[in-house]
């Protein structure tokens, strides 16, 4: 049985792990470049349901492998793991709050092939299904979720989803409160 307290602790752990910078095989690390005149993303969130969040913020460049992105084209090309498998990470940690909420985004495309639209079966996150967190409340991709990520190959894109939900009190999927909406982003050099 997974309690909300455990979920909040897990969310805090994800946020802490994501804030680590420059590790050579880090899990969901983030390079600190947002808003400093260097390459960064501008993230727009429009989510409704159990939680409603609408607004935008800058976000540093997301990386799993300590990539120091120098351009939007480089970010748009994705990154490779140790085995050479390509991934594209959706921006993870918008700066500050959006709509008064701290937002964490956990989604990436496996076997990234460049600009295009990728459906739910190609999406993942480090150690869990793709999802969003609002101040510790985690909403995950479940079996009834629709979800696609579209990238433009130049560092921009969108993630559109319906039916992300919390786990049931007994830890099983589905049946919990849901959110739907989109996360879109542009990259700025």
Protein backbone atom coordinates (compact mmCIF):
# COMPACT_ATOMS: atom_id res chain seq x y z
CA UNK A 1 0.00 0.00 0.00
CA UNK A 2 1.46 3.36 -1.05
CA UNK A 3 0.42 6.36 1.01
CA UNK A 4 0.38 10.00 -0.13
CA UNK A 5 3.27 10.61 2.28
CA UNK A 6 5.40 8.05 0.49
CA UNK A 7 4.45 9.58 -2.87
CA UNK A 8 5.43 13.04 -1.59
CA UNK A 9 8.81 11.69 -0.43
CA UNK A 10 9.34 10.04 -3.84
CA UNK A 11 8.47 13.31 -5.60
CA UNK A 12 10.93 15.20 -3.41
CA UNK A 13 13.57 12.59 -4.27
CA UNK A 14 12.89 12.99 -7.98
CA UNK A 15 13.21 16.73 -7.68
CA UNK A 16 16.48 16.41 -5.74
CA UNK A 17 17.91 13.94 -8.25
CA UNK A 18 16.88 16.18 -11.12
CA UNK A 19 18.56 19.20 -9.60
CA UNK A 20 21.95 17.46 -9.60
CA UNK A 21 24.09 18.83 -12.36
CA UNK A 22 26.73 17.50 -14.73
CA UNK A 23 26.90 13.88 -13.59
CA UNK A 24 28.23 11.57 -16.25
CA UNK A 25 25.22 9.22 -16.36
CA UNK A 26 22.93 11.06 -14.01
CA UNK A 27 19.27 10.25 -13.90
CA UNK A 28 17.27 13.18 -15.16
CA UNK A 29 19.85 15.82 -14.37
CA UNK A 30 19.39 19.42 -15.40
CA UNK A 31 22.08 21.77 -16.66
CA UNK A 32 21.78 25.20 -15.00
CA UNK A 33 21.28 27.53 -17.96
CA UNK A 34 17.67 28.71 -17.77
CA UNK A 35 17.22 32.44 -18.14
CA UNK A 36 20.92 33.32 -18.02
CA UNK A 37 21.35 34.35 -21.65
CA UNK A 38 22.49 30.83 -22.53
CA UNK A 39 20.43 28.14 -24.22
CA UNK A 40 17.24 27.38 -22.24
CA UNK A 41 13.60 26.52 -22.79
CA UNK A 42 10.38 28.44 -22.22
CA UNK A 43 7.71 26.03 -20.97
CA UNK A 44 3.95 26.60 -21.29
CA UNK A 45 1.68 24.50 -19.08
CA UNK A 46 -2.08 24.23 -19.63
CA UNK A 47 -3.50 21.47 -17.41
CA UNK A 48 -7.00 20.97 -16.01
CA UNK A 49 -8.77 18.39 -13.90
CA UNK A 50 -7.98 17.56 -10.29
CA UNK A 51 -5.31 20.31 -10.53
CA UNK A 52 -5.58 23.34 -12.79
CA UNK A 53 -2.33 25.02 -13.82
CA UNK A 54 -1.88 27.50 -16.64
CA UNK A 55 1.12 29.68 -17.34
CA UNK A 56 4.73 29.70 -18.45
CA UNK A 57 8.25 29.81 -17.07
CA UNK A 58 11.80 29.34 -18.26
CA UNK A 59 13.48 26.01 -17.63
CA UNK A 60 17.09 24.86 -17.77
CA UNK A 61 18.08 22.28 -20.35
CA UNK A 62 17.24 18.71 -19.27
CA UNK A 63 19.82 15.96 -19.65
CA UNK A 64 20.30 12.36 -18.53
CA UNK A 65 24.00 12.24 -19.32
CA UNK A 66 25.40 15.62 -18.35
CA UNK A 67 25.20 17.08 -21.85
CA UNK A 68 26.11 20.78 -21.87
CA UNK A 69 23.80 21.99 -24.64
CA UNK A 70 25.29 24.81 -26.71
CA UNK A 71 22.38 25.29 -29.14
CA UNK A 72 18.72 24.53 -29.66
CA UNK A 73 19.60 22.39 -32.69
CA UNK A 74 21.86 20.24 -30.49
CA UNK A 75 19.06 19.79 -27.91
CA UNK A 76 16.55 19.06 -30.71
CA UNK A 77 18.76 16.19 -31.87
CA UNK A 78 18.39 14.36 -28.54
CA UNK A 79 21.14 12.64 -26.58
CA UNK A 80 22.53 9.13 -26.44
CA UNK A 81 23.06 6.83 -23.47
CA UNK A 82 26.19 4.67 -22.98
CA UNK A 83 24.88 2.10 -25.44
CA UNK A 84 24.22 4.75 -28.10
CA UNK A 85 20.41 4.62 -27.70
CA UNK A 86 18.90 8.06 -28.45
CA UNK A 87 16.51 9.88 -26.11
CA UNK A 88 14.78 13.24 -26.08
CA UNK A 89 13.94 14.73 -22.69
CA UNK A 90 10.98 17.06 -22.28
CA UNK A 91 11.98 20.10 -20.15
CA UNK A 92 11.66 18.98 -16.53
CA UNK A 93 11.88 21.78 -14.00
CA UNK A 94 10.34 25.14 -14.84
CA UNK A 95 11.86 27.91 -12.69
CA UNK A 96 9.77 29.22 -9.81
CA UNK A 97 6.08 28.43 -9.81
CA UNK A 98 3.43 28.32 -12.51
CA UNK A 99 -0.05 29.33 -11.39
CA UNK A 100 1.22 29.26 -7.81
CA UNK A 101 2.35 25.63 -8.06
CA UNK A 102 5.77 24.00 -8.33
CA UNK A 103 5.62 21.87 -11.47
CA UNK A 104 7.91 18.92 -12.26
CA UNK A 105 7.62 17.22 -15.67
CA UNK A 106 8.94 13.71 -16.22
CA UNK A 107 8.75 12.50 -19.81
CA UNK A 108 11.19 11.42 -22.47
CA UNK A 109 11.12 9.71 -25.85
CA UNK A 110 12.97 6.40 -26.14
CA UNK A 111 14.70 5.57 -29.43
CA UNK A 112 14.40 9.17 -30.58
CA UNK A 113 14.67 9.54 -34.37
CA UNK A 114 14.45 13.33 -34.68
CA UNK A 115 11.55 15.68 -35.38
CA UNK A 116 8.14 14.02 -35.37
CA UNK A 117 5.28 12.74 -33.26
CA UNK A 118 5.81 9.91 -30.79
CA UNK A 119 2.97 7.96 -29.19
CA UNK A 120 2.55 6.65 -25.66
CA UNK A 121 4.40 3.36 -26.21
CA UNK A 122 7.66 5.27 -26.93
CA UNK A 123 7.41 7.51 -23.85
CA UNK A 124 9.00 6.84 -20.48
CA UNK A 125 10.66 8.54 -17.53
CA UNK A 126 13.54 7.49 -15.31
CA UNK A 127 12.22 4.46 -13.40
CA UNK A 128 8.52 5.24 -13.90
CA UNK A 129 5.85 6.04 -16.46
CA UNK A 130 5.78 9.64 -17.76
CA UNK A 131 3.97 12.09 -15.53
CA UNK A 132 3.70 15.48 -13.88
CA UNK A 133 3.96 16.52 -10.26
CA UNK A 134 2.45 19.57 -8.62
CA UNK A 135 4.07 20.22 -5.25
CA UNK A 136 4.37 16.50 -4.52
CA UNK A 137 1.12 15.18 -6.04
CA UNK A 138 2.20 12.84 -8.86
CA UNK A 139 -0.02 12.11 -11.86
CA UNK A 140 1.25 9.23 -14.02
CA UNK A 141 0.51 7.75 -17.42
CA UNK A 142 -1.89 4.84 -16.85
CA UNK A 143 -3.41 2.21 -19.15
CA UNK A 144 -6.30 4.54 -20.15
CA UNK A 145 -4.08 7.56 -20.79
CA UNK A 146 -3.67 9.09 -24.23
CA UNK A 147 -0.29 10.72 -24.70
CA UNK A 148 1.83 12.02 -27.58
CA UNK A 149 5.00 14.10 -27.75
CA UNK A 150 5.78 16.10 -30.88
CA UNK A 151 9.21 17.66 -31.46
CA UNK A 152 10.29 20.11 -34.16
CA UNK A 153 13.98 19.08 -34.25
CA UNK A 154 15.02 22.60 -33.19
CA UNK A 155 14.45 22.14 -29.45
CA UNK A 156 10.71 22.89 -29.37
CA UNK A 157 7.68 20.69 -29.04
CA UNK A 158 4.65 19.65 -27.07
CA UNK A 159 3.35 16.84 -24.89
CA UNK A 160 -0.43 16.41 -25.05
CA UNK A 161 -2.14 13.98 -22.67
CA UNK A 162 -5.46 12.95 -21.17
CA UNK A 163 -6.09 10.88 -18.08
CA UNK A 164 -2.86 11.13 -16.11
CA UNK A 165 -3.88 9.96 -12.65
CA UNK A 166 -2.60 9.29 -9.17
CA UNK A 167 -2.19 5.77 -7.90
CA UNK A 168 -5.03 4.29 -5.87
CA UNK A 169 -4.47 4.14 -2.09
CA UNK A 170 -3.56 0.44 -2.47
CA UNK A 171 -0.85 1.29 -5.06
CA UNK A 172 -2.75 0.00 -8.09
CA UNK A 173 -3.18 2.14 -11.19
CA UNK A 174 -6.24 4.04 -12.33
CA UNK A 175 -9.26 5.29 -10.52
CA UNK A 176 -7.45 8.15 -8.82
CA UNK A 177 -7.93 11.84 -9.55
CA UNK A 178 -6.96 12.80 -13.11
CA UNK A 179 -5.43 15.68 -15.04
CA UNK A 180 -5.37 16.36 -18.79
CA UNK A 181 -3.78 19.02 -20.93
CA UNK A 182 -0.50 19.96 -22.50
CA UNK A 183 3.04 21.03 -21.88
CA UNK A 184 4.66 22.88 -24.77
CA UNK A 185 8.09 24.45 -25.01
CA UNK A 186 10.33 26.49 -27.23
CA UNK A 187 14.09 26.61 -27.09
CA UNK A 188 16.03 29.87 -27.01
CA UNK A 189 19.75 30.18 -27.81
